[in-house]
C-alpha cells in the first residue's frame, strides 16, 4: 500500500514540475517582442539598443548595421546566423559589445570574420564549424584567434600557454577540456 501512495505522489510531483517550465517559457516568449527590418530579425534590449536575433538574407558578404530604426545594435544573439551556409564574409560594427553562443556555428562557407575591439564578450562555440574555424592554418600553437579575440584552444594543448599581448576577449569555455 505504501508503494502505491509513494508512486502516486511521485507521479503527481513529476506532472506539476513538467508544467512549470513550459509556463515560464511561454510567459517569456509572450513578453519579448521580435521585429524585422529588411533581412534582420531583432529585439530591443534597452532604451536605445537592440540585439540581432536572426538573418534571413542569402548574401555571401554581410555587414551588420550599427543601427536599426534608430536603435544601436549592441549584440548578436545566441544562434543568430547559425547554419547560414551562403555566408562567406561578416563584418561586425563597433557598436557591438557581445556575440552570443553559437552565433555563427555551422556557417560552413564563412572564411572572413571581422570582430571589432569593442566586443567584450563572446559566447561558447560562436564560430564553431565555420570555414575559418576548420582551416588549420588559422590555428597558431593550438589556439584560434579572430583578430584580437581568442576563440578556442585545442583540447590537446599542453604545458603553458601565454595569452597574446593585446588580446581583448577570451571566448566562454575557450579552454574547456584542456587538461
N, C-alpha and C. Protein backbone atom coordinates (compact mmCIF):
# COMPACT_ATOMS: atom_id res chain seq x y z
N UNK A 1 0.81 -1.19 0.00
CA UNK A 1 0.00 0.00 0.00
C UNK A 1 0.86 1.26 0.00
N UNK A 2 1.95 1.24 0.79
CA UNK A 2 2.83 2.40 0.84
C UNK A 2 3.47 2.66 -0.51
N UNK A 3 3.78 1.62 -1.25
CA UNK A 3 4.39 1.76 -2.57
C UNK A 3 3.45 2.48 -3.52
N UNK A 4 2.15 2.14 -3.49
CA UNK A 4 1.17 2.80 -4.37
C UNK A 4 1.06 4.28 -4.03
N UNK A 5 1.04 4.62 -2.73
CA UNK A 5 0.94 6.02 -2.31
C UNK A 5 2.19 6.78 -2.76
N UNK A 6 3.34 6.15 -2.56
CA UNK A 6 4.58 6.79 -2.96
C UNK A 6 4.61 7.03 -4.48
N UNK A 7 4.24 6.04 -5.26
CA UNK A 7 4.23 6.19 -6.71
C UNK A 7 3.22 7.24 -7.15
N UNK A 8 2.07 7.28 -6.50
CA UNK A 8 1.06 8.29 -6.83
C UNK A 8 1.59 9.69 -6.53
N UNK A 9 2.24 9.85 -5.38
CA UNK A 9 2.81 11.14 -5.01
C UNK A 9 3.92 11.53 -5.98
N UNK A 10 4.79 10.59 -6.31
CA UNK A 10 5.88 10.85 -7.24
C UNK A 10 5.34 11.26 -8.60
N UNK A 11 4.34 10.58 -9.10
CA UNK A 11 3.73 10.92 -10.38
C UNK A 11 3.12 12.32 -10.34
N UNK A 12 2.47 12.67 -9.25
CA UNK A 12 1.87 14.00 -9.10
C UNK A 12 2.95 15.08 -9.13
N UNK A 13 4.06 14.84 -8.44
CA UNK A 13 5.16 15.81 -8.41
C UNK A 13 5.75 15.98 -9.81
N UNK A 14 5.96 14.89 -10.50
CA UNK A 14 6.51 14.95 -11.86
C UNK A 14 5.58 15.73 -12.78
N UNK A 15 4.29 15.51 -12.66
CA UNK A 15 3.33 16.22 -13.51
C UNK A 15 3.36 17.72 -13.23
N UNK A 16 3.42 18.09 -11.96
CA UNK A 16 3.46 19.52 -11.61
C UNK A 16 4.75 20.15 -12.12
N UNK A 17 5.88 19.49 -11.91
CA UNK A 17 7.16 20.04 -12.35
C UNK A 17 7.26 20.14 -13.86
N UNK A 18 6.63 19.26 -14.58
CA UNK A 18 6.70 19.31 -16.05
C UNK A 18 5.91 20.48 -16.61
N UNK A 19 4.97 21.01 -15.88
CA UNK A 19 4.16 22.14 -16.34
C UNK A 19 4.86 23.47 -16.07
N UNK A 20 5.59 23.57 -14.99
CA UNK A 20 6.19 24.83 -14.57
C UNK A 20 7.12 25.43 -15.62
N UNK A 21 8.10 24.69 -16.16
CA UNK A 21 8.98 25.31 -17.15
C UNK A 21 8.25 25.79 -18.40
N UNK A 22 7.26 25.06 -18.86
CA UNK A 22 6.53 25.46 -20.06
C UNK A 22 5.81 26.79 -19.83
N UNK A 23 5.26 26.97 -18.65
CA UNK A 23 4.59 28.21 -18.33
C UNK A 23 5.58 29.36 -18.36
N UNK A 24 6.77 29.14 -17.80
CA UNK A 24 7.80 30.18 -17.79
C UNK A 24 8.26 30.53 -19.19
N UNK A 25 8.46 29.55 -20.04
CA UNK A 25 8.90 29.79 -21.40
C UNK A 25 7.84 30.54 -22.18
N UNK A 26 6.61 30.15 -22.04
CA UNK A 26 5.51 30.82 -22.73
C UNK A 26 5.41 32.28 -22.30
N UNK A 27 5.51 32.54 -21.00
CA UNK A 27 5.43 33.90 -20.50
C UNK A 27 6.58 34.74 -21.04
N UNK A 28 7.80 34.16 -21.09
CA UNK A 28 8.96 34.87 -21.61
C UNK A 28 8.78 35.19 -23.08
N UNK A 29 8.35 34.21 -23.86
CA UNK A 29 8.16 34.40 -25.30
C UNK A 29 7.10 35.45 -25.58
N UNK A 30 6.02 35.45 -24.80
CA UNK A 30 4.96 36.43 -24.99
C UNK A 30 5.43 37.84 -24.65
N UNK A 31 6.33 37.95 -23.65
CA UNK A 31 6.79 39.26 -23.19
C UNK A 31 7.78 39.88 -24.18
N UNK A 32 8.57 39.08 -24.89
CA UNK A 32 9.57 39.59 -25.80
C UNK A 32 8.95 39.89 -27.15
N UNK A 33 9.24 41.07 -27.65
CA UNK A 33 8.70 41.47 -28.95
C UNK A 33 9.80 41.39 -29.99
N UNK A 34 9.63 40.51 -30.97
CA UNK A 34 10.58 40.38 -32.06
C UNK A 34 10.09 41.22 -33.22
N UNK A 35 11.02 41.87 -33.89
CA UNK A 35 10.66 42.68 -35.04
C UNK A 35 11.57 42.34 -36.20
N UNK A 36 11.18 42.75 -37.37
CA UNK A 36 12.02 42.57 -38.55
C UNK A 36 12.28 43.91 -39.19
N UNK A 37 13.44 44.01 -39.79
CA UNK A 37 13.84 45.19 -40.55
C UNK A 37 14.66 44.69 -41.72
N UNK A 38 14.04 44.64 -42.90
CA UNK A 38 14.71 44.07 -44.06
C UNK A 38 15.02 42.59 -43.79
N UNK A 39 16.30 42.24 -43.86
CA UNK A 39 16.73 40.85 -43.65
C UNK A 39 17.09 40.56 -42.19
N UNK A 40 16.83 41.51 -41.32
CA UNK A 40 17.24 41.38 -39.92
C UNK A 40 16.07 41.11 -38.99
N UNK A 41 16.25 40.17 -38.11
CA UNK A 41 15.31 39.94 -37.01
C UNK A 41 16.02 40.46 -35.76
N UNK A 42 15.32 41.21 -34.94
CA UNK A 42 15.96 41.82 -33.78
C UNK A 42 14.94 42.02 -32.66
N UNK A 43 15.46 42.34 -31.49
CA UNK A 43 14.59 42.70 -30.38
C UNK A 43 15.28 43.77 -29.55
N UNK A 44 14.48 44.56 -28.88
CA UNK A 44 15.00 45.66 -28.09
C UNK A 44 15.56 45.13 -26.77
N UNK A 45 16.78 45.57 -26.43
CA UNK A 45 17.44 45.12 -25.20
C UNK A 45 17.55 46.22 -24.16
N UNK A 46 17.33 47.43 -24.57
CA UNK A 46 17.40 48.58 -23.67
C UNK A 46 16.67 49.74 -24.31
N UNK A 47 16.72 50.88 -23.66
CA UNK A 47 16.00 52.05 -24.16
C UNK A 47 16.46 52.44 -25.57
N UNK A 48 17.75 52.27 -25.85
CA UNK A 48 18.30 52.69 -27.14
C UNK A 48 19.06 51.59 -27.86
N UNK A 49 18.89 50.33 -27.44
CA UNK A 49 19.71 49.27 -28.02
C UNK A 49 18.88 48.06 -28.44
N UNK A 50 19.43 47.34 -29.42
CA UNK A 50 18.80 46.12 -29.91
C UNK A 50 19.85 45.02 -30.07
N UNK A 51 19.36 43.79 -30.13
CA UNK A 51 20.19 42.62 -30.41
C UNK A 51 19.72 42.00 -31.71
N UNK A 52 20.68 41.56 -32.52
CA UNK A 52 20.35 40.83 -33.75
C UNK A 52 19.96 39.42 -33.33
N UNK A 53 18.78 39.01 -33.72
CA UNK A 53 18.26 37.69 -33.38
C UNK A 53 18.42 36.71 -34.53
N UNK A 54 18.39 37.23 -35.76
CA UNK A 54 18.50 36.36 -36.91
C UNK A 54 18.73 37.14 -38.19
N UNK A 55 19.15 36.42 -39.20
CA UNK A 55 19.39 36.98 -40.53
C UNK A 55 18.70 36.09 -41.53
N UNK A 56 17.84 36.66 -42.35
CA UNK A 56 17.06 35.87 -43.30
C UNK A 56 17.57 35.99 -44.73
N UNK A 57 18.59 36.82 -44.95
CA UNK A 57 19.12 37.02 -46.29
C UNK A 57 19.99 35.86 -46.76
N UNK A 58 20.44 35.95 -47.98
CA UNK A 58 21.27 34.91 -48.59
C UNK A 58 22.57 35.47 -49.15
N UNK A 59 22.93 36.69 -48.77
CA UNK A 59 24.15 37.32 -49.29
C UNK A 59 25.38 36.58 -48.79
N UNK A 60 26.43 36.58 -49.62
CA UNK A 60 27.70 35.96 -49.24
C UNK A 60 28.51 36.88 -48.34
N UNK A 61 28.44 38.18 -48.58
CA UNK A 61 29.16 39.17 -47.77
C UNK A 61 28.15 40.04 -47.03
N UNK A 62 28.23 40.04 -45.71
CA UNK A 62 27.25 40.76 -44.90
C UNK A 62 27.97 41.70 -43.94
N UNK A 63 27.47 42.92 -43.86
CA UNK A 63 27.91 43.87 -42.85
C UNK A 63 26.71 44.13 -41.95
N UNK A 64 26.87 43.82 -40.69
CA UNK A 64 25.80 44.05 -39.72
C UNK A 64 25.66 45.55 -39.52
N UNK A 65 24.44 46.09 -39.57
CA UNK A 65 24.28 47.53 -39.37
C UNK A 65 24.57 47.92 -37.92
N UNK A 66 25.06 49.13 -37.73
CA UNK A 66 25.31 49.60 -36.36
C UNK A 66 24.03 50.14 -35.73
N UNK A 67 23.06 50.46 -36.59
CA UNK A 67 21.76 50.95 -36.09
C UNK A 67 20.64 50.31 -36.89
N UNK A 68 19.54 50.05 -36.21
CA UNK A 68 18.31 49.59 -36.83
C UNK A 68 17.18 50.46 -36.29
N UNK A 69 16.52 51.18 -37.18
CA UNK A 69 15.41 52.07 -36.81
C UNK A 69 15.79 53.01 -35.68
N UNK A 70 17.01 53.52 -35.71
CA UNK A 70 17.47 54.48 -34.71
C UNK A 70 18.03 53.85 -33.44
N UNK A 71 17.91 52.54 -33.29
CA UNK A 71 18.44 51.84 -32.12
C UNK A 71 19.84 51.33 -32.44
N UNK A 72 20.73 51.38 -31.46
CA UNK A 72 22.10 50.90 -31.64
C UNK A 72 22.14 49.38 -31.49
N UNK A 73 22.77 48.72 -32.45
CA UNK A 73 22.94 47.26 -32.39
C UNK A 73 24.12 46.99 -31.47
N UNK A 74 23.84 46.39 -30.30
CA UNK A 74 24.88 46.16 -29.30
C UNK A 74 25.24 44.69 -29.11
N UNK A 75 24.44 43.79 -29.68
CA UNK A 75 24.76 42.38 -29.51
C UNK A 75 24.21 41.53 -30.66
N UNK A 76 24.86 40.38 -30.80
CA UNK A 76 24.41 39.36 -31.75
C UNK A 76 23.98 38.19 -30.88
N UNK A 77 22.74 37.81 -30.97
CA UNK A 77 22.15 36.85 -30.06
C UNK A 77 22.58 35.41 -30.35
N UNK A 78 22.28 34.55 -29.41
CA UNK A 78 22.52 33.11 -29.47
C UNK A 78 22.00 32.55 -30.80
N UNK A 79 22.89 31.95 -31.58
CA UNK A 79 22.48 31.27 -32.82
C UNK A 79 21.95 32.17 -33.92
N UNK A 80 22.22 33.46 -33.88
CA UNK A 80 21.62 34.40 -34.84
C UNK A 80 21.89 34.05 -36.30
N UNK A 81 23.08 33.59 -36.63
CA UNK A 81 23.44 33.26 -38.01
C UNK A 81 23.65 31.76 -38.19
N UNK A 82 23.37 30.99 -37.19
CA UNK A 82 23.67 29.57 -37.20
C UNK A 82 23.13 28.89 -38.47
N UNK A 83 24.03 28.18 -39.15
CA UNK A 83 23.63 27.43 -40.34
C UNK A 83 23.46 28.24 -41.61
N UNK A 84 23.87 29.52 -41.61
CA UNK A 84 23.80 30.33 -42.84
C UNK A 84 24.92 29.87 -43.77
N UNK A 85 24.64 28.89 -44.59
CA UNK A 85 25.67 28.26 -45.41
C UNK A 85 26.16 29.14 -46.56
N UNK A 86 25.38 30.13 -46.98
CA UNK A 86 25.82 31.01 -48.06
C UNK A 86 26.73 32.13 -47.57
N UNK A 87 26.80 32.34 -46.26
CA UNK A 87 27.60 33.42 -45.68
C UNK A 87 29.09 33.13 -45.79
N UNK A 88 29.83 34.02 -46.46
CA UNK A 88 31.28 33.86 -46.64
C UNK A 88 32.08 34.90 -45.87
N UNK A 89 31.47 36.06 -45.64
CA UNK A 89 32.18 37.16 -45.00
C UNK A 89 31.23 37.93 -44.09
N UNK A 90 31.70 38.25 -42.88
CA UNK A 90 30.88 39.02 -41.94
C UNK A 90 31.71 40.15 -41.35
N UNK A 91 31.14 41.34 -41.34
CA UNK A 91 31.75 42.50 -40.70
C UNK A 91 30.82 42.92 -39.57
N UNK A 92 31.38 42.95 -38.38
CA UNK A 92 30.62 43.31 -37.19
C UNK A 92 30.96 44.76 -36.83
N UNK A 93 29.97 45.62 -36.61
CA UNK A 93 30.26 47.04 -36.35
C UNK A 93 30.80 47.29 -34.94
N UNK A 94 31.43 48.45 -34.75
CA UNK A 94 31.98 48.85 -33.46
C UNK A 94 30.93 49.00 -32.37
N UNK A 95 29.68 49.09 -32.73
CA UNK A 95 28.61 49.25 -31.73
C UNK A 95 28.37 47.95 -30.95
N UNK A 96 28.78 46.82 -31.52
CA UNK A 96 28.52 45.52 -30.90
C UNK A 96 29.47 45.27 -29.74
N UNK A 97 28.90 44.87 -28.61
CA UNK A 97 29.67 44.58 -27.39
C UNK A 97 29.73 43.09 -27.10
N UNK A 98 28.72 42.33 -27.56
CA UNK A 98 28.71 40.90 -27.25
C UNK A 98 28.21 40.07 -28.44
N UNK A 99 28.80 38.86 -28.52
CA UNK A 99 28.42 37.88 -29.53
C UNK A 99 27.99 36.63 -28.77
N UNK A 100 26.79 36.18 -28.98
CA UNK A 100 26.24 35.05 -28.23
C UNK A 100 26.80 33.70 -28.66
N UNK A 101 26.60 32.73 -27.81
CA UNK A 101 27.00 31.36 -28.10
C UNK A 101 26.34 30.89 -29.40
N UNK A 102 27.06 30.12 -30.17
CA UNK A 102 26.58 29.52 -31.41
C UNK A 102 26.14 30.55 -32.46
N UNK A 103 26.51 31.81 -32.30
CA UNK A 103 26.05 32.88 -33.19
C UNK A 103 26.30 32.58 -34.67
N UNK A 104 27.46 32.01 -35.00
CA UNK A 104 27.82 31.72 -36.39
C UNK A 104 28.12 30.23 -36.61
N UNK A 105 27.72 29.41 -35.68
CA UNK A 105 28.01 27.97 -35.77
C UNK A 105 27.44 27.39 -37.07
N UNK A 106 28.21 26.50 -37.65
CA UNK A 106 27.82 25.79 -38.88
C UNK A 106 27.63 26.69 -40.10
N UNK A 107 28.26 27.86 -40.09
CA UNK A 107 28.31 28.69 -41.30
C UNK A 107 29.49 28.16 -42.10
N UNK A 108 29.25 27.10 -42.83
CA UNK A 108 30.31 26.30 -43.45
C UNK A 108 31.16 27.04 -44.47
N UNK A 109 30.68 28.15 -45.01
CA UNK A 109 31.45 28.90 -46.01
C UNK A 109 32.11 30.15 -45.43
N UNK A 110 31.89 30.44 -44.16
CA UNK A 110 32.38 31.68 -43.54
C UNK A 110 33.89 31.64 -43.33
N UNK A 111 34.61 32.38 -44.17
CA UNK A 111 36.07 32.41 -44.11
C UNK A 111 36.62 33.75 -43.62
N UNK A 112 35.86 34.82 -43.79
CA UNK A 112 36.33 36.16 -43.43
C UNK A 112 35.45 36.73 -42.31
N UNK A 113 36.08 37.00 -41.16
CA UNK A 113 35.34 37.46 -39.99
C UNK A 113 36.04 38.68 -39.42
N UNK A 114 35.31 39.76 -39.27
CA UNK A 114 35.87 40.98 -38.71
C UNK A 114 35.16 41.28 -37.38
N UNK A 115 35.91 41.12 -36.27
CA UNK A 115 35.36 41.40 -34.94
C UNK A 115 36.06 42.65 -34.41
N UNK A 116 35.30 43.70 -34.11
CA UNK A 116 35.94 44.93 -33.62
C UNK A 116 36.43 44.80 -32.17
N UNK A 117 37.32 45.68 -31.78
CA UNK A 117 37.84 45.70 -30.42
C UNK A 117 36.76 46.04 -29.38
N UNK A 118 35.63 46.57 -29.84
CA UNK A 118 34.54 46.94 -28.92
C UNK A 118 33.89 45.71 -28.28
N UNK A 119 34.05 44.53 -28.90
CA UNK A 119 33.44 43.31 -28.37
C UNK A 119 34.15 42.90 -27.09
N UNK A 120 33.37 42.74 -26.02
CA UNK A 120 33.94 42.38 -24.71
C UNK A 120 33.47 41.01 -24.23
N UNK A 121 32.57 40.38 -24.99
CA UNK A 121 32.04 39.08 -24.59
C UNK A 121 31.72 38.24 -25.83
N UNK A 122 32.26 37.02 -25.84
CA UNK A 122 31.96 36.08 -26.93
C UNK A 122 31.54 34.77 -26.28
N UNK A 123 30.37 34.28 -26.64
CA UNK A 123 29.85 33.04 -26.08
C UNK A 123 30.56 31.82 -26.64
N UNK A 124 30.31 30.69 -26.02
CA UNK A 124 30.95 29.45 -26.43
C UNK A 124 30.50 29.02 -27.82
N UNK A 125 31.43 28.43 -28.55
CA UNK A 125 31.16 27.88 -29.88
C UNK A 125 30.56 28.88 -30.86
N UNK A 126 30.84 30.15 -30.67
CA UNK A 126 30.26 31.19 -31.53
C UNK A 126 30.66 31.01 -33.00
N UNK A 127 31.85 30.46 -33.26
CA UNK A 127 32.34 30.30 -34.63
C UNK A 127 32.65 28.84 -34.97
N UNK A 128 32.09 27.94 -34.21
CA UNK A 128 32.34 26.51 -34.37
C UNK A 128 31.85 26.02 -35.73
N UNK A 129 32.68 25.24 -36.38
CA UNK A 129 32.40 24.64 -37.69
C UNK A 129 32.16 25.66 -38.80
N UNK A 130 32.77 26.84 -38.66
CA UNK A 130 32.80 27.77 -39.80
C UNK A 130 34.01 27.37 -40.64
N UNK A 131 34.09 27.86 -41.86
CA UNK A 131 35.25 27.57 -42.69
C UNK A 131 36.52 28.14 -42.03
N UNK A 132 36.40 29.28 -41.38
CA UNK A 132 37.55 29.88 -40.68
C UNK A 132 38.04 28.94 -39.57
N UNK A 133 37.11 28.43 -38.80
CA UNK A 133 37.42 27.50 -37.70
C UNK A 133 38.06 26.22 -38.24
N UNK A 134 37.56 25.73 -39.33
CA UNK A 134 38.02 24.46 -39.90
C UNK A 134 39.33 24.55 -40.68
N UNK A 135 39.84 25.77 -40.89
CA UNK A 135 41.09 25.95 -41.62
C UNK A 135 42.26 25.86 -40.65
N UNK A 136 43.02 24.81 -40.76
CA UNK A 136 44.11 24.52 -39.83
C UNK A 136 45.13 25.66 -39.73
N UNK A 137 45.38 26.37 -40.83
CA UNK A 137 46.37 27.45 -40.80
C UNK A 137 45.94 28.64 -39.95
N UNK A 138 44.67 28.72 -39.58
CA UNK A 138 44.20 29.80 -38.70
C UNK A 138 44.51 29.52 -37.23
N UNK A 139 44.87 28.29 -36.93
CA UNK A 139 45.20 27.90 -35.56
C UNK A 139 46.71 28.05 -35.37
N UNK A 140 47.11 28.82 -34.37
CA UNK A 140 48.53 29.03 -34.08
C UNK A 140 48.83 28.45 -32.70
N UNK A 141 49.75 27.51 -32.65
CA UNK A 141 50.13 26.85 -31.39
C UNK A 141 48.92 26.26 -30.67
N UNK A 142 47.97 25.74 -31.44
CA UNK A 142 46.80 25.08 -30.87
C UNK A 142 45.69 26.02 -30.43
N UNK A 143 45.79 27.30 -30.80
CA UNK A 143 44.79 28.28 -30.37
C UNK A 143 44.27 29.06 -31.59
N UNK A 144 42.97 29.30 -31.58
CA UNK A 144 42.33 30.05 -32.67
C UNK A 144 41.99 31.46 -32.20
N UNK A 145 42.53 32.42 -32.91
CA UNK A 145 42.20 33.84 -32.70
C UNK A 145 41.45 34.34 -33.91
N UNK A 146 40.56 35.31 -33.69
CA UNK A 146 40.00 36.11 -34.77
C UNK A 146 40.32 37.54 -34.36
N UNK A 147 41.23 38.16 -35.08
CA UNK A 147 41.71 39.49 -34.69
C UNK A 147 42.35 39.41 -33.31
N UNK A 148 41.87 40.22 -32.40
CA UNK A 148 42.41 40.25 -31.03
C UNK A 148 41.57 39.44 -30.05
N UNK A 149 40.79 38.52 -30.58
CA UNK A 149 39.87 37.74 -29.75
C UNK A 149 40.23 36.26 -29.78
N UNK A 150 40.53 35.70 -28.62
CA UNK A 150 40.86 34.29 -28.50
C UNK A 150 39.55 33.51 -28.52
N UNK A 151 39.38 32.65 -29.49
CA UNK A 151 38.12 31.94 -29.70
C UNK A 151 38.12 30.56 -29.04
N UNK A 152 39.21 29.81 -29.24
CA UNK A 152 39.22 28.45 -28.69
C UNK A 152 40.64 27.89 -28.68
N UNK A 153 40.90 27.00 -27.74
CA UNK A 153 42.15 26.24 -27.70
C UNK A 153 41.83 24.78 -27.95
N UNK A 154 42.72 24.10 -28.65
CA UNK A 154 42.53 22.67 -28.88
C UNK A 154 42.68 21.92 -27.56
N UNK A 155 41.94 20.85 -27.44
CA UNK A 155 41.92 20.06 -26.19
C UNK A 155 43.29 19.47 -25.86
N UNK A 156 44.10 19.20 -26.89
CA UNK A 156 45.39 18.56 -26.65
C UNK A 156 46.53 19.55 -26.41
N UNK A 157 46.21 20.83 -26.28
CA UNK A 157 47.24 21.81 -25.97
C UNK A 157 47.82 21.44 -24.60
N UNK A 158 49.16 21.49 -24.48
CA UNK A 158 49.73 21.11 -23.19
C UNK A 158 50.83 22.07 -22.78
N UNK A 159 51.18 21.99 -21.53
CA UNK A 159 52.19 22.90 -20.99
C UNK A 159 51.57 24.25 -20.70
N UNK A 160 52.40 25.27 -20.78
CA UNK A 160 51.92 26.63 -20.53
C UNK A 160 51.54 27.30 -21.84
N UNK A 161 50.57 28.17 -21.76
CA UNK A 161 50.21 28.96 -22.93
C UNK A 161 50.11 30.41 -22.48
N UNK A 162 50.82 31.29 -23.14
CA UNK A 162 50.78 32.72 -22.82
C UNK A 162 49.78 33.40 -23.76
N UNK A 163 48.79 34.03 -23.17
CA UNK A 163 47.80 34.77 -23.96
C UNK A 163 48.54 35.92 -24.65
N UNK A 164 48.24 36.13 -25.93
CA UNK A 164 48.91 37.19 -26.70
C UNK A 164 48.66 38.56 -26.06
N UNK A 165 49.69 39.36 -26.05
CA UNK A 165 49.56 40.74 -25.61
C UNK A 165 48.55 41.45 -26.53
N UNK A 166 47.67 42.23 -25.97
CA UNK A 166 46.67 42.95 -26.76
C UNK A 166 45.37 42.20 -26.94
N UNK A 167 45.27 40.98 -26.40
CA UNK A 167 44.03 40.21 -26.51
C UNK A 167 42.90 40.98 -25.83
N UNK A 168 41.80 41.14 -26.52
CA UNK A 168 40.64 41.90 -26.00
C UNK A 168 39.64 41.00 -25.29
N UNK A 169 39.45 39.78 -25.81
CA UNK A 169 38.42 38.90 -25.30
C UNK A 169 38.90 37.45 -25.35
N UNK A 170 38.50 36.68 -24.36
CA UNK A 170 38.66 35.23 -24.40
C UNK A 170 37.24 34.67 -24.36
N UNK A 171 36.87 33.95 -25.41
CA UNK A 171 35.51 33.43 -25.51
C UNK A 171 35.19 32.48 -24.36
N UNK A 172 33.94 32.42 -23.98
CA UNK A 172 33.49 31.50 -22.93
C UNK A 172 33.89 30.08 -23.28
N UNK A 173 34.39 29.37 -22.31
CA UNK A 173 34.79 27.97 -22.45
C UNK A 173 35.90 27.75 -23.48
N UNK A 174 36.68 28.78 -23.78
CA UNK A 174 37.74 28.68 -24.79
C UNK A 174 38.75 27.58 -24.46
N UNK A 175 39.00 27.35 -23.18
CA UNK A 175 39.97 26.34 -22.76
C UNK A 175 39.31 25.12 -22.14
N UNK A 176 38.03 24.94 -22.40
CA UNK A 176 37.31 23.78 -21.86
C UNK A 176 37.93 22.49 -22.35
N UNK A 177 38.13 21.57 -21.42
CA UNK A 177 38.67 20.27 -21.76
C UNK A 177 40.17 20.22 -21.90
N UNK A 178 40.84 21.35 -21.72
CA UNK A 178 42.31 21.36 -21.79
C UNK A 178 42.85 20.89 -20.44
N UNK A 179 43.24 19.64 -20.39
CA UNK A 179 43.68 19.08 -19.12
C UNK A 179 45.16 19.30 -18.89
